[in-house]
């Protein structure tokens, strides 16, 4: 069975119901913490954002 990646923003609604649904369906899943970009400073964004990679992936 194909598994699922769950990206979870800590400040969002508790995703426990979604986890329970995946468990009931027998879908394996792995949870990754999300980063709230709105909480980053401009310097933090500049350290993480790669304009060349974004242009390559999504176009100019």
Protein backbone atom coordinates (compact mmCIF):
# COMPACT_ATOMS: atom_id res chain seq x y z
CA UNK A 1 0.00 0.00 0.00
CA UNK A 2 1.16 3.49 -0.76
CA UNK A 3 1.86 5.54 2.36
CA UNK A 4 1.16 9.17 3.08
CA UNK A 5 3.27 12.09 4.21
CA UNK A 6 1.45 14.39 6.62
CA UNK A 7 2.85 17.91 6.90
CA UNK A 8 1.50 19.41 10.09
CA UNK A 9 1.60 23.06 11.14
CA UNK A 10 1.75 23.07 14.95
CA UNK A 11 -0.59 26.07 15.24
CA UNK A 12 -3.24 24.43 13.03
CA UNK A 13 -6.25 22.48 14.22
CA UNK A 14 -5.24 19.18 15.82
CA UNK A 15 -4.97 16.65 13.01
CA UNK A 16 -5.74 13.69 15.29
CA UNK A 17 -8.98 12.96 13.44
CA UNK A 18 -7.08 12.73 10.17
CA UNK A 19 -4.48 10.46 11.74
CA UNK A 20 -7.27 8.24 13.06
CA UNK A 21 -8.82 8.02 9.61
CA UNK A 22 -5.50 7.00 8.08
CA UNK A 23 -5.02 4.41 10.83
CA UNK A 24 -8.54 2.98 10.34
CA UNK A 25 -7.88 2.67 6.62
CA UNK A 26 -4.56 0.98 7.30
CA UNK A 27 -2.61 3.66 5.44
CA UNK A 28 0.95 4.00 6.74
CA UNK A 29 1.92 7.61 7.28
CA UNK A 30 4.78 9.74 8.51
CA UNK A 31 4.31 13.16 10.12
CA UNK A 32 6.62 16.09 9.38
CA UNK A 33 6.46 19.44 11.18
CA UNK A 34 5.70 22.38 8.90
CA UNK A 35 7.31 25.80 9.07
CA UNK A 36 5.00 28.78 9.32
CA UNK A 37 6.58 31.14 6.81
CA UNK A 38 4.57 34.04 8.20
CA UNK A 39 6.57 33.77 11.43
CA UNK A 40 9.98 33.99 9.72
CA UNK A 41 11.98 37.19 9.55
CA UNK A 42 13.20 38.45 6.19
CA UNK A 43 16.71 37.26 7.07
CA UNK A 44 15.44 33.74 7.85
CA UNK A 45 13.57 33.61 4.55
CA UNK A 46 16.66 34.82 2.69
CA UNK A 47 18.72 32.03 4.31
CA UNK A 48 16.26 29.33 3.22
CA UNK A 49 14.90 30.54 -0.12
CA UNK A 50 16.76 29.57 -3.27
CA UNK A 51 15.48 31.69 -6.18
CA UNK A 52 17.37 29.65 -8.78
CA UNK A 53 15.91 26.37 -7.52
CA UNK A 54 12.41 27.87 -7.43
CA UNK A 55 12.76 29.16 -10.99
CA UNK A 56 13.99 25.75 -12.14
CA UNK A 57 11.09 23.93 -10.43
CA UNK A 58 8.26 26.37 -11.11
CA UNK A 59 9.46 28.46 -14.03
CA UNK A 60 10.54 32.11 -14.15
